[in-house]
Amino acid sequence: GEAQRVKLSLELSKRSTGRTIYILDEPTTGLHFADVIKLVEVLEALVEMGNTVILIEHNLDVILQADYVVDLGPEGGDAGGEVVAVGTPEEIMKCSASFTGEYIARALANRR
């Protein structure tokens, strides 16, 4: 988490070409909620500049902000690794085989 954020901040100090692919593994690990919001804003800015951001992430608040989700499972470790669902968070929510979809549905229901 922390090393990735240092590399990301270094990358952000460079001039953007709008053609970069950023791959981050659990970038929200250890972050305070307010810092997660800032990180999402930075990632959204990168996308708006034409870059691609790929996250491996379990933070539901971040997943809900995604343009596209690839949900792997159905479990972790040896019981996982299969593509369970793909699409927007709303599409993932409709997949009965997706545990992530269940959590998305609950989160969205609680926000109403």
N, C-alpha and C. Protein backbone atom coordinates (compact mmCIF):
# COMPACT_ATOMS: atom_id res chain seq x y z
N GLY A 1 0.79 -1.20 0.00
CA GLY A 1 0.00 0.00 0.00
C GLY A 1 0.83 1.26 0.00
N GLU A 2 1.65 1.42 1.03
CA GLU A 2 2.41 2.67 1.19
C GLU A 2 3.42 2.87 0.06
N ALA A 3 4.14 1.82 -0.31
CA ALA A 3 5.13 1.94 -1.39
C ALA A 3 4.46 2.31 -2.71
N GLN A 4 3.29 1.74 -2.95
CA GLN A 4 2.54 2.08 -4.17
C GLN A 4 2.15 3.55 -4.18
N ARG A 5 1.74 4.05 -3.01
CA ARG A 5 1.31 5.45 -2.94
C ARG A 5 2.49 6.39 -3.17
N VAL A 6 3.68 6.00 -2.69
CA VAL A 6 4.87 6.81 -2.95
C VAL A 6 5.18 6.82 -4.44
N LYS A 7 5.11 5.65 -5.08
CA LYS A 7 5.35 5.57 -6.53
C LYS A 7 4.30 6.36 -7.29
N LEU A 8 3.05 6.29 -6.84
CA LEU A 8 1.98 7.03 -7.50
C LEU A 8 2.21 8.53 -7.38
N SER A 9 2.62 9.00 -6.20
CA SER A 9 2.87 10.44 -6.04
C SER A 9 4.02 10.89 -6.92
N LEU A 10 5.04 10.04 -7.07
CA LEU A 10 6.15 10.37 -7.95
C LEU A 10 5.67 10.45 -9.40
N GLU A 11 4.83 9.51 -9.78
CA GLU A 11 4.27 9.48 -11.14
C GLU A 11 3.42 10.71 -11.41
N LEU A 12 2.67 11.14 -10.40
CA LEU A 12 1.79 12.29 -10.56
C LEU A 12 2.57 13.60 -10.72
N SER A 13 3.82 13.60 -10.26
CA SER A 13 4.63 14.80 -10.40
C SER A 13 5.14 14.97 -11.84
N LYS A 14 5.02 13.92 -12.65
CA LYS A 14 5.44 13.98 -14.05
C LYS A 14 4.30 14.53 -14.91
N ARG A 15 4.65 14.97 -16.09
CA ARG A 15 3.63 15.45 -17.02
C ARG A 15 2.89 14.25 -17.61
N SER A 16 1.56 14.32 -17.57
CA SER A 16 0.74 13.20 -18.03
C SER A 16 0.67 13.16 -19.55
N THR A 17 0.82 11.96 -20.09
CA THR A 17 0.66 11.77 -21.54
C THR A 17 -0.77 11.36 -21.87
N GLY A 18 -1.52 10.95 -20.84
CA GLY A 18 -2.87 10.47 -21.07
C GLY A 18 -2.90 9.09 -21.69
N ARG A 19 -1.76 8.40 -21.67
CA ARG A 19 -1.68 7.07 -22.28
C ARG A 19 -1.03 6.06 -21.33
N THR A 20 -1.13 6.32 -20.04
CA THR A 20 -0.48 5.46 -19.06
C THR A 20 -1.50 4.53 -18.43
N ILE A 21 -1.08 3.29 -18.17
CA ILE A 21 -1.90 2.33 -17.45
C ILE A 21 -1.31 2.21 -16.04
N TYR A 22 -2.12 2.52 -15.04
CA TYR A 22 -1.72 2.39 -13.64
C TYR A 22 -2.38 1.15 -13.07
N ILE A 23 -1.59 0.25 -12.49
CA ILE A 23 -2.12 -0.95 -11.85
C ILE A 23 -1.74 -0.88 -10.38
N LEU A 24 -2.75 -0.84 -9.51
CA LEU A 24 -2.52 -0.70 -8.08
C LEU A 24 -3.18 -1.86 -7.33
N ASP A 25 -2.45 -2.43 -6.39
CA ASP A 25 -2.94 -3.56 -5.60
C ASP A 25 -3.29 -3.07 -4.20
N GLU A 26 -4.59 -3.05 -3.89
CA GLU A 26 -5.10 -2.64 -2.58
C GLU A 26 -4.54 -1.28 -2.13
N PRO A 27 -4.67 -0.24 -2.94
CA PRO A 27 -4.08 1.05 -2.58
C PRO A 27 -4.71 1.71 -1.36
N THR A 28 -5.88 1.27 -0.92
CA THR A 28 -6.53 1.90 0.23
C THR A 28 -6.12 1.28 1.56
N THR A 29 -5.34 0.20 1.52
CA THR A 29 -4.95 -0.48 2.74
C THR A 29 -4.25 0.48 3.70
N GLY A 30 -4.78 0.56 4.92
CA GLY A 30 -4.18 1.40 5.95
C GLY A 30 -4.55 2.86 5.89
N LEU A 31 -5.36 3.25 4.92
CA LEU A 31 -5.73 4.66 4.79
C LEU A 31 -6.96 4.99 5.63
N HIS A 32 -6.96 6.19 6.19
CA HIS A 32 -8.14 6.74 6.87
C HIS A 32 -9.20 7.01 5.80
N PHE A 33 -10.47 6.98 6.19
CA PHE A 33 -11.56 7.19 5.24
C PHE A 33 -11.38 8.47 4.42
N ALA A 34 -10.96 9.55 5.07
CA ALA A 34 -10.76 10.83 4.36
C ALA A 34 -9.67 10.70 3.31
N ASP A 35 -8.64 9.91 3.61
CA ASP A 35 -7.56 9.72 2.65
C ASP A 35 -8.00 8.83 1.49
N VAL A 36 -8.92 7.90 1.75
CA VAL A 36 -9.47 7.07 0.67
C VAL A 36 -10.21 7.97 -0.32
N ILE A 37 -10.97 8.92 0.19
CA ILE A 37 -11.69 9.86 -0.67
C ILE A 37 -10.71 10.65 -1.54
N LYS A 38 -9.61 11.13 -0.93
CA LYS A 38 -8.60 11.87 -1.70
C LYS A 38 -7.97 10.99 -2.77
N LEU A 39 -7.67 9.75 -2.41
CA LEU A 39 -7.07 8.82 -3.37
C LEU A 39 -8.01 8.60 -4.55
N VAL A 40 -9.29 8.39 -4.28
CA VAL A 40 -10.27 8.19 -5.35
C VAL A 40 -10.32 9.43 -6.25
N GLU A 41 -10.26 10.61 -5.67
CA GLU A 41 -10.26 11.84 -6.47
C GLU A 41 -9.04 11.90 -7.39
N VAL A 42 -7.88 11.50 -6.87
CA VAL A 42 -6.66 11.49 -7.68
C VAL A 42 -6.78 10.48 -8.82
N LEU A 43 -7.30 9.29 -8.50
CA LEU A 43 -7.46 8.26 -9.53
C LEU A 43 -8.46 8.69 -10.59
N GLU A 44 -9.55 9.34 -10.18
CA GLU A 44 -10.53 9.84 -11.14
C GLU A 44 -9.91 10.91 -12.05
N ALA A 45 -9.04 11.75 -11.48
CA ALA A 45 -8.36 12.77 -12.29
C ALA A 45 -7.46 12.12 -13.33
N LEU A 46 -6.77 11.05 -12.95
CA LEU A 46 -5.93 10.33 -13.90
C LEU A 46 -6.75 9.80 -15.07
N VAL A 47 -7.92 9.25 -14.77
CA VAL A 47 -8.80 8.71 -15.81
C VAL A 47 -9.31 9.84 -16.70
N GLU A 48 -9.68 10.96 -16.09
CA GLU A 48 -10.17 12.11 -16.87
C GLU A 48 -9.11 12.64 -17.83
N MET A 49 -7.82 12.42 -17.49
CA MET A 49 -6.73 12.85 -18.37
C MET A 49 -6.47 11.83 -19.48
N GLY A 50 -7.27 10.75 -19.52
CA GLY A 50 -7.12 9.76 -20.59
C GLY A 50 -6.34 8.52 -20.21
N ASN A 51 -5.89 8.44 -18.97
CA ASN A 51 -5.15 7.27 -18.50
C ASN A 51 -6.11 6.16 -18.11
N THR A 52 -5.56 4.97 -17.92
CA THR A 52 -6.34 3.82 -17.46
C THR A 52 -5.86 3.45 -16.07
N VAL A 53 -6.79 3.23 -15.15
CA VAL A 53 -6.46 2.82 -13.79
C VAL A 53 -7.11 1.47 -13.52
N ILE A 54 -6.28 0.50 -13.15
CA ILE A 54 -6.75 -0.84 -12.81
C ILE A 54 -6.42 -1.07 -11.34
N LEU A 55 -7.44 -1.40 -10.55
CA LEU A 55 -7.24 -1.63 -9.13
C LEU A 55 -7.59 -3.06 -8.75
N ILE A 56 -6.80 -3.64 -7.87
CA ILE A 56 -7.19 -4.84 -7.15
C ILE A 56 -7.61 -4.30 -5.80
N GLU A 57 -8.89 -4.38 -5.47
CA GLU A 57 -9.39 -3.66 -4.29
C GLU A 57 -10.56 -4.39 -3.66
N HIS A 58 -10.63 -4.33 -2.32
CA HIS A 58 -11.75 -4.89 -1.57
C HIS A 58 -12.59 -3.81 -0.90
N ASN A 59 -12.14 -2.58 -0.92
CA ASN A 59 -12.87 -1.48 -0.28
C ASN A 59 -14.14 -1.19 -1.09
N LEU A 60 -15.28 -1.44 -0.47
CA LEU A 60 -16.56 -1.32 -1.16
C LEU A 60 -16.83 0.10 -1.66
N ASP A 61 -16.42 1.09 -0.88
CA ASP A 61 -16.62 2.48 -1.31
C ASP A 61 -15.87 2.77 -2.61
N VAL A 62 -14.71 2.17 -2.77
CA VAL A 62 -13.92 2.35 -3.99
C VAL A 62 -14.54 1.55 -5.14
N ILE A 63 -14.97 0.33 -4.85
CA ILE A 63 -15.60 -0.50 -5.88
C ILE A 63 -16.84 0.20 -6.44
N LEU A 64 -17.60 0.85 -5.58
CA LEU A 64 -18.81 1.55 -6.03
C LEU A 64 -18.51 2.70 -6.98
N GLN A 65 -17.27 3.22 -6.95
CA GLN A 65 -16.87 4.32 -7.82
C GLN A 65 -16.34 3.84 -9.17
N ALA A 66 -16.15 2.53 -9.31
CA ALA A 66 -15.52 1.98 -10.51
C ALA A 66 -16.43 2.10 -11.73
N ASP A 67 -15.80 2.32 -12.88
CA ASP A 67 -16.53 2.30 -14.15
C ASP A 67 -16.85 0.86 -14.55
N TYR A 68 -15.95 -0.06 -14.20
CA TYR A 68 -16.08 -1.45 -14.63
C TYR A 68 -15.45 -2.34 -13.56
N VAL A 69 -16.09 -3.43 -13.23
CA VAL A 69 -15.62 -4.35 -12.19
C VAL A 69 -15.47 -5.74 -12.79
N VAL A 70 -14.37 -6.41 -12.45
CA VAL A 70 -14.20 -7.83 -12.74
C VAL A 70 -14.17 -8.51 -11.38
N ASP A 71 -15.22 -9.24 -11.06
CA ASP A 71 -15.36 -9.88 -9.75
C ASP A 71 -14.84 -11.31 -9.85
N LEU A 72 -13.79 -11.60 -9.07
CA LEU A 72 -13.20 -12.94 -9.05
C LEU A 72 -13.67 -13.68 -7.82
N GLY A 73 -13.82 -14.98 -7.93
CA GLY A 73 -14.28 -15.76 -6.78
C GLY A 73 -14.52 -17.19 -7.19
N PRO A 74 -15.47 -17.87 -6.61
CA PRO A 74 -16.46 -17.32 -5.69
C PRO A 74 -15.91 -17.09 -4.28
N GLU A 75 -14.86 -17.79 -3.91
CA GLU A 75 -14.21 -17.61 -2.60
C GLU A 75 -12.80 -17.08 -2.85
N GLY A 76 -11.99 -17.08 -1.80
CA GLY A 76 -10.59 -16.69 -1.93
C GLY A 76 -9.70 -17.91 -2.06
N GLY A 77 -8.43 -17.68 -2.34
CA GLY A 77 -7.45 -18.76 -2.39
C GLY A 77 -7.79 -19.82 -3.41
N ASP A 78 -7.63 -21.09 -3.00
CA ASP A 78 -7.88 -22.22 -3.90
C ASP A 78 -9.33 -22.32 -4.35
N ALA A 79 -10.25 -21.71 -3.60
CA ALA A 79 -11.68 -21.78 -3.95
C ALA A 79 -12.11 -20.59 -4.80
N GLY A 80 -11.13 -19.86 -5.31
CA GLY A 80 -11.45 -18.68 -6.11
C GLY A 80 -10.72 -18.67 -7.43
N GLY A 81 -10.55 -17.47 -7.96
CA GLY A 81 -9.81 -17.30 -9.19
C GLY A 81 -10.62 -17.39 -10.45
N GLU A 82 -11.91 -17.62 -10.32
CA GLU A 82 -12.79 -17.67 -11.49
C GLU A 82 -13.48 -16.32 -11.66
N VAL A 83 -13.75 -15.93 -12.89
CA VAL A 83 -14.51 -14.71 -13.14
C VAL A 83 -15.97 -15.01 -12.82
N VAL A 84 -16.50 -14.33 -11.80
CA VAL A 84 -17.88 -14.55 -11.36
C VAL A 84 -18.83 -13.59 -12.07
N ALA A 85 -18.38 -12.34 -12.22
CA ALA A 85 -19.23 -11.33 -12.85
C ALA A 85 -18.36 -10.21 -13.40
N VAL A 86 -18.85 -9.55 -14.44
CA VAL A 86 -18.17 -8.38 -15.00
C VAL A 86 -19.21 -7.32 -15.34
N GLY A 87 -18.80 -6.07 -15.22
CA GLY A 87 -19.70 -4.97 -15.59
C GLY A 87 -19.61 -3.83 -14.61
N THR A 88 -20.58 -2.96 -14.67
CA THR A 88 -20.65 -1.83 -13.74
C THR A 88 -21.02 -2.38 -12.36
N PRO A 89 -20.81 -1.60 -11.30
CA PRO A 89 -21.24 -2.09 -9.98
C PRO A 89 -22.72 -2.49 -9.97
N GLU A 90 -23.55 -1.74 -10.68
CA GLU A 90 -24.98 -2.06 -10.73
C GLU A 90 -25.23 -3.40 -11.43
N GLU A 91 -24.44 -3.71 -12.45
CA GLU A 91 -24.57 -5.00 -13.13
C GLU A 91 -24.06 -6.14 -12.25
N ILE A 92 -22.97 -5.90 -11.52
CA ILE A 92 -22.43 -6.91 -10.61
C ILE A 92 -23.47 -7.25 -9.55
N MET A 93 -24.17 -6.23 -9.08
CA MET A 93 -25.18 -6.38 -8.05
C MET A 93 -26.28 -7.37 -8.47
N LYS A 94 -26.53 -7.47 -9.74
CA LYS A 94 -27.61 -8.33 -10.24
C LYS A 94 -27.19 -9.79 -10.41
N CYS A 95 -25.91 -10.07 -10.24
CA CYS A 95 -25.41 -11.44 -10.42
C CYS A 95 -25.56 -12.21 -9.11
N SER A 96 -26.41 -13.21 -9.11
CA SER A 96 -26.71 -13.97 -7.89
C SER A 96 -25.50 -14.76 -7.38
N ALA A 97 -24.54 -15.06 -8.24
CA ALA A 97 -23.36 -15.83 -7.83
C ALA A 97 -22.27 -14.95 -7.23
N SER A 98 -22.45 -13.64 -7.23
CA SER A 98 -21.41 -12.70 -6.80
C SER A 98 -21.62 -12.25 -5.36
N PHE A 99 -20.67 -12.62 -4.48
CA PHE A 99 -20.71 -12.11 -3.11
C PHE A 99 -20.52 -10.60 -3.12
N THR A 100 -19.65 -10.12 -3.99
CA THR A 100 -19.44 -8.67 -4.12
C THR A 100 -20.75 -7.99 -4.50
N GLY A 101 -21.49 -8.61 -5.40
CA GLY A 101 -22.77 -8.07 -5.82
C GLY A 101 -23.74 -7.93 -4.66
N GLU A 102 -23.73 -8.92 -3.75
CA GLU A 102 -24.59 -8.84 -2.56
C GLU A 102 -24.23 -7.62 -1.71
N TYR A 103 -22.93 -7.40 -1.51
CA TYR A 103 -22.48 -6.27 -0.70
C TYR A 103 -22.79 -4.94 -1.38
N ILE A 104 -22.65 -4.90 -2.70
CA ILE A 104 -23.00 -3.68 -3.44
C ILE A 104 -24.49 -3.38 -3.27
N ALA A 105 -25.32 -4.40 -3.40
CA ALA A 105 -26.77 -4.21 -3.25
C ALA A 105 -27.11 -3.67 -1.87
N ARG A 106 -26.50 -4.24 -0.83
CA ARG A 106 -26.75 -3.77 0.54
C ARG A 106 -26.30 -2.32 0.72
N ALA A 107 -25.12 -2.02 0.20
CA ALA A 107 -24.58 -0.66 0.36
C ALA A 107 -25.47 0.35 -0.34
N LEU A 108 -25.91 0.03 -1.53
CA LEU A 108 -26.78 0.96 -2.26
C LEU A 108 -28.15 1.10 -1.60
N ALA A 109 -28.67 0.01 -1.04
CA ALA A 109 -29.96 0.06 -0.33
C ALA A 109 -29.85 0.94 0.91
N ASN A 110 -28.71 0.88 1.60
CA ASN A 110 -28.50 1.68 2.81
C ASN A 110 -28.34 3.16 2.50
N ARG A 111 -27.95 3.49 1.30
CA ARG A 111 -27.74 4.90 0.92
C ARG A 111 -29.05 5.57 0.51
N ARG A 112 -30.08 4.79 0.32
CA ARG A 112 -31.38 5.36 -0.12
C ARG A 112 -32.19 5.81 1.04
